[in-house]
Amino acid sequence: MKQIEVSVDKSLLVLDRGAQAVKDAVTAIRNAMRAGTASTKSKGEVAGSNKKPWKQKGTGNARAGFRQSPVWRGGGVAHGPKPRSFAQKVNKKVMKLAFARAFSDKFESGGVTVVDKFEFEAPKTKLMAKFLKELGVDRTACIVQKDVDDTVVLVTRNLPEIDYSTASSLDVYTLLANRRLVCDKAGFDALVERLAK
């Protein structure tokens, strides 16, 4: 495993547009991660009878019609959250532009490191940690390959700041959330092929 020099045709890089597309893509991806399972009971769903707690007049208390009122302890919640989907639709062209802009920025800023291939004697996390240290990767990074390699997945998954992705499934949020992309040659070529489509 050794680092190699690579280049990308300047005509494929997108650096003059797409900032809004990146924002829209990241917002949509992060919203899709939300569970949307928060739920509260309205006054109609809280258990209790419709009996009037006390008579309308003569007690000195404020008038009250039922114990499920939102103003009472143990009552319903007014305008509370209900299970919902936070998913947002983003057009394919917008997502493509967002990826092209994010990858172009990452490549131009020197955030992409390419090695000839990933080879490990055994699926041990310390081997990947040592390799990344030799590359100078000391912060968040994403390992990118063209196809899933089970050994690389195993040596990567216990490193808390290291993500793993294939070139075809790498999204804009993962690309931006990590300071470095560490690709093998095949994975890098697949990313460039995504740009060219």
Protein backbone atom coordinates (compact mmCIF):
# COMPACT_ATOMS: atom_id res chain seq x y z
CA MET A 1 0.00 0.00 0.00
CA LYS A 2 1.50 3.29 -1.07
CA GLN A 3 0.21 6.75 -1.85
CA ILE A 4 0.02 7.67 -5.53
CA GLU A 5 -0.40 10.93 -7.43
CA VAL A 6 -3.64 11.40 -9.37
CA SER A 7 -5.24 14.12 -11.44
CA VAL A 8 -8.73 15.01 -12.61
CA ASP A 9 -9.65 16.67 -15.88
CA LYS A 10 -10.37 20.32 -15.04
CA SER A 11 -13.50 20.21 -17.21
CA LEU A 12 -15.05 17.71 -14.78
CA LEU A 13 -14.54 19.84 -11.66
CA VAL A 14 -17.40 22.13 -10.63
CA LEU A 15 -16.15 25.07 -8.58
CA ASP A 16 -18.18 28.04 -9.85
CA ARG A 17 -21.71 26.88 -8.99
CA GLY A 18 -23.67 24.41 -6.89
CA ALA A 19 -23.31 25.93 -3.40
CA GLN A 20 -27.08 26.04 -2.92
CA ALA A 21 -27.39 22.49 -4.26
CA VAL A 22 -24.91 21.32 -1.61
CA LYS A 23 -26.93 23.03 1.13
CA ASP A 24 -30.20 21.50 -0.12
CA ALA A 25 -28.63 18.02 -0.39
CA VAL A 26 -27.12 18.11 3.11
CA THR A 27 -30.39 19.39 4.60
CA ALA A 28 -32.34 16.59 2.90
CA ILE A 29 -29.87 13.88 3.94
CA ARG A 30 -29.81 15.03 7.58
CA ASN A 31 -33.61 15.28 7.69
CA ALA A 32 -33.89 11.75 6.31
CA MET A 33 -31.81 10.57 9.30
CA ARG A 34 -34.41 11.85 11.75
CA ALA A 35 -36.57 9.15 13.34
CA GLY A 36 -39.72 11.28 13.43
CA THR A 37 -41.15 9.12 16.22
CA ALA A 38 -41.83 11.83 18.85
CA SER A 39 -45.46 11.55 19.96
CA THR A 40 -47.68 13.21 22.55
CA LYS A 41 -51.35 12.79 23.43
CA SER A 42 -53.87 15.50 22.70
CA LYS A 43 -56.73 16.23 25.09
CA GLY A 44 -58.92 13.81 23.14
CA GLU A 45 -56.47 10.94 23.64
CA VAL A 46 -55.76 11.30 27.37
CA ALA A 47 -57.67 8.82 29.54
CA GLY A 48 -60.43 10.31 31.67
CA SER A 49 -64.17 10.88 31.81
CA ASN A 50 -66.15 13.82 30.48
CA LYS A 51 -67.52 14.52 33.93
CA LYS A 52 -67.30 18.15 35.00
CA PRO A 53 -64.79 18.35 37.92
CA TRP A 54 -66.99 20.76 39.88
CA LYS A 55 -70.06 22.85 39.31
CA GLN A 56 -69.83 25.91 37.13
CA LYS A 57 -70.55 28.52 39.77
CA GLY A 58 -70.28 29.10 43.47
CA THR A 59 -66.99 27.37 44.34
CA GLY A 60 -64.61 30.27 43.79
CA ASN A 61 -62.54 28.15 41.42
CA ALA A 62 -62.13 28.90 37.76
CA ARG A 63 -64.69 27.12 35.62
CA ALA A 64 -63.53 23.72 34.34
CA GLY A 65 -65.17 21.33 31.92
CA PHE A 66 -62.93 18.25 31.93
CA ARG A 67 -59.74 16.91 33.50
CA GLN A 68 -57.95 16.33 30.19
CA SER A 69 -57.48 20.06 29.61
CA PRO A 70 -53.98 21.04 28.40
CA VAL A 71 -53.70 23.61 31.19
CA TRP A 72 -53.95 20.90 33.85
CA ARG A 73 -51.20 18.61 35.11
CA GLY A 74 -51.74 15.19 33.52
CA GLY A 75 -53.82 16.69 30.75
CA GLY A 76 -53.26 16.58 27.02
CA VAL A 77 -50.58 18.48 25.10
CA ALA A 78 -51.68 21.34 22.89
CA HIS A 79 -50.11 21.25 19.41
CA GLY A 80 -47.60 18.56 20.47
CA PRO A 81 -45.49 16.45 18.09
CA LYS A 82 -46.91 13.44 16.28
CA PRO A 83 -45.04 10.74 14.30
CA ARG A 84 -44.12 12.13 10.90
CA SER A 85 -41.60 11.79 8.11
CA PHE A 86 -39.03 14.56 7.70
CA ALA A 87 -38.01 13.34 4.24
CA GLN A 88 -37.46 15.99 1.60
CA LYS A 89 -37.48 15.46 -2.14
CA VAL A 90 -34.38 16.61 -3.99
CA ASN A 91 -34.17 16.31 -7.76
CA LYS A 92 -31.55 13.94 -9.19
CA LYS A 93 -29.88 16.76 -11.11
CA VAL A 94 -29.55 18.82 -7.93
CA MET A 95 -28.02 15.87 -6.04
CA LYS A 96 -25.62 15.25 -8.92
CA LEU A 97 -24.56 18.91 -8.95
CA ALA A 98 -24.18 18.90 -5.16
CA PHE A 99 -21.90 15.85 -5.31
CA ALA A 100 -19.83 17.35 -8.12
CA ARG A 101 -19.35 20.62 -6.20
CA ALA A 102 -18.54 18.93 -2.88
CA PHE A 103 -16.07 16.49 -4.45
CA SER A 104 -14.44 19.24 -6.53
CA ASP A 105 -13.92 21.40 -3.45
CA LYS A 106 -12.49 18.44 -1.54
CA PHE A 107 -10.11 17.53 -4.36
CA GLU A 108 -8.93 21.11 -4.98
CA SER A 109 -8.24 21.67 -1.28
CA GLY A 110 -6.06 18.55 -1.10
CA GLY A 111 -8.54 16.55 0.93
CA VAL A 112 -8.37 13.46 -1.29
CA THR A 113 -5.64 10.87 -0.74
CA VAL A 114 -5.26 7.95 -3.15
CA VAL A 115 -3.39 4.71 -2.53
CA ASP A 116 -2.77 1.93 -5.02
CA LYS A 117 -4.83 -0.60 -3.02
CA PHE A 118 -5.77 -1.63 0.50
CA GLU A 119 -4.01 -4.77 1.69
CA PHE A 120 -3.96 -6.01 5.27
CA GLU A 121 -2.39 -9.20 6.62
CA ALA A 122 -5.27 -9.69 9.06
CA PRO A 123 -8.54 -7.90 9.88
CA LYS A 124 -7.05 -5.93 12.79
CA THR A 125 -8.00 -2.35 13.58
CA LYS A 126 -4.47 -1.40 14.65
CA LEU A 127 -3.20 -2.11 11.12
CA MET A 128 -5.58 0.47 9.63
CA ALA A 129 -4.80 2.94 12.43
CA LYS A 130 -1.07 2.58 11.74
CA PHE A 131 -1.58 2.96 7.99
CA LEU A 132 -3.68 6.13 8.38
CA LYS A 133 -1.06 7.58 10.74
CA GLU A 134 1.60 6.98 8.10
CA LEU A 135 -0.56 8.83 5.59
CA GLY A 136 -0.89 11.76 7.99
CA VAL A 137 -4.62 11.24 8.53
CA ASP A 138 -5.15 12.32 12.14
CA ARG A 139 -8.75 13.51 11.98
CA THR A 140 -12.04 12.34 10.48
CA ALA A 141 -11.71 10.43 7.22
CA CYS A 142 -13.77 8.25 4.91
CA ILE A 143 -12.34 5.13 3.28
CA VAL A 144 -13.69 4.76 -0.26
CA GLN A 145 -13.52 1.68 -2.47
CA LYS A 146 -15.23 0.69 -5.69
CA ASP A 147 -16.59 -2.55 -4.23
CA VAL A 148 -17.04 -3.64 -0.63
CA ASP A 149 -14.00 -5.41 0.81
CA ASP A 150 -14.93 -7.28 3.99
CA THR A 151 -11.40 -7.09 5.39
CA VAL A 152 -11.24 -3.31 4.97
CA VAL A 153 -14.68 -2.98 6.57
CA LEU A 154 -13.50 -4.99 9.58
CA VAL A 155 -10.29 -3.00 10.10
CA THR A 156 -12.21 0.26 9.79
CA ARG A 157 -15.40 -0.18 11.79
CA ASN A 158 -13.87 0.16 15.27
CA LEU A 159 -12.17 3.46 14.48
CA PRO A 160 -14.61 6.09 15.82
CA GLU A 161 -13.68 8.91 13.42
CA ILE A 162 -13.33 6.79 10.28
CA ASP A 163 -16.24 6.10 7.92
CA TYR A 164 -16.42 3.55 5.12
CA SER A 165 -18.26 3.84 1.81
CA THR A 166 -18.27 2.57 -1.72
CA ALA A 167 -17.80 5.08 -4.52
CA SER A 168 -21.37 4.62 -5.77
CA SER A 169 -23.00 5.15 -2.36
CA LEU A 170 -20.84 8.04 -1.11
CA ASP A 171 -23.19 10.93 -0.38
CA VAL A 172 -22.64 14.67 -0.07
CA TYR A 173 -23.03 14.73 3.72
CA THR A 174 -20.44 11.99 4.33
CA LEU A 175 -18.11 13.71 1.89
CA LEU A 176 -18.35 17.02 3.75
CA ALA A 177 -18.44 15.58 7.28
CA ASN A 178 -14.97 14.05 6.87
CA ARG A 179 -11.81 16.12 6.44
CA ARG A 180 -10.16 13.53 4.21
CA LEU A 181 -11.15 10.95 1.62
CA VAL A 182 -8.80 7.99 1.43
CA CYS A 183 -9.48 6.01 -1.74
CA ASP A 184 -7.85 3.14 -3.50
CA LYS A 185 -7.16 3.67 -7.22
CA ALA A 186 -10.27 1.76 -8.31
CA GLY A 187 -12.45 3.71 -5.88
CA PHE A 188 -11.03 7.05 -7.04
CA ASP A 189 -11.60 6.15 -10.69
CA ALA A 190 -15.21 5.26 -9.85
CA LEU A 191 -15.70 8.66 -8.17
CA VAL A 192 -14.30 10.45 -11.23
CA GLU A 193 -16.61 8.34 -13.39
CA ARG A 194 -19.55 9.62 -11.30
CA LEU A 195 -18.43 13.17 -12.08
CA ALA A 196 -18.24 12.45 -15.80
CA LYS A 197 -21.75 11.01 -16.08
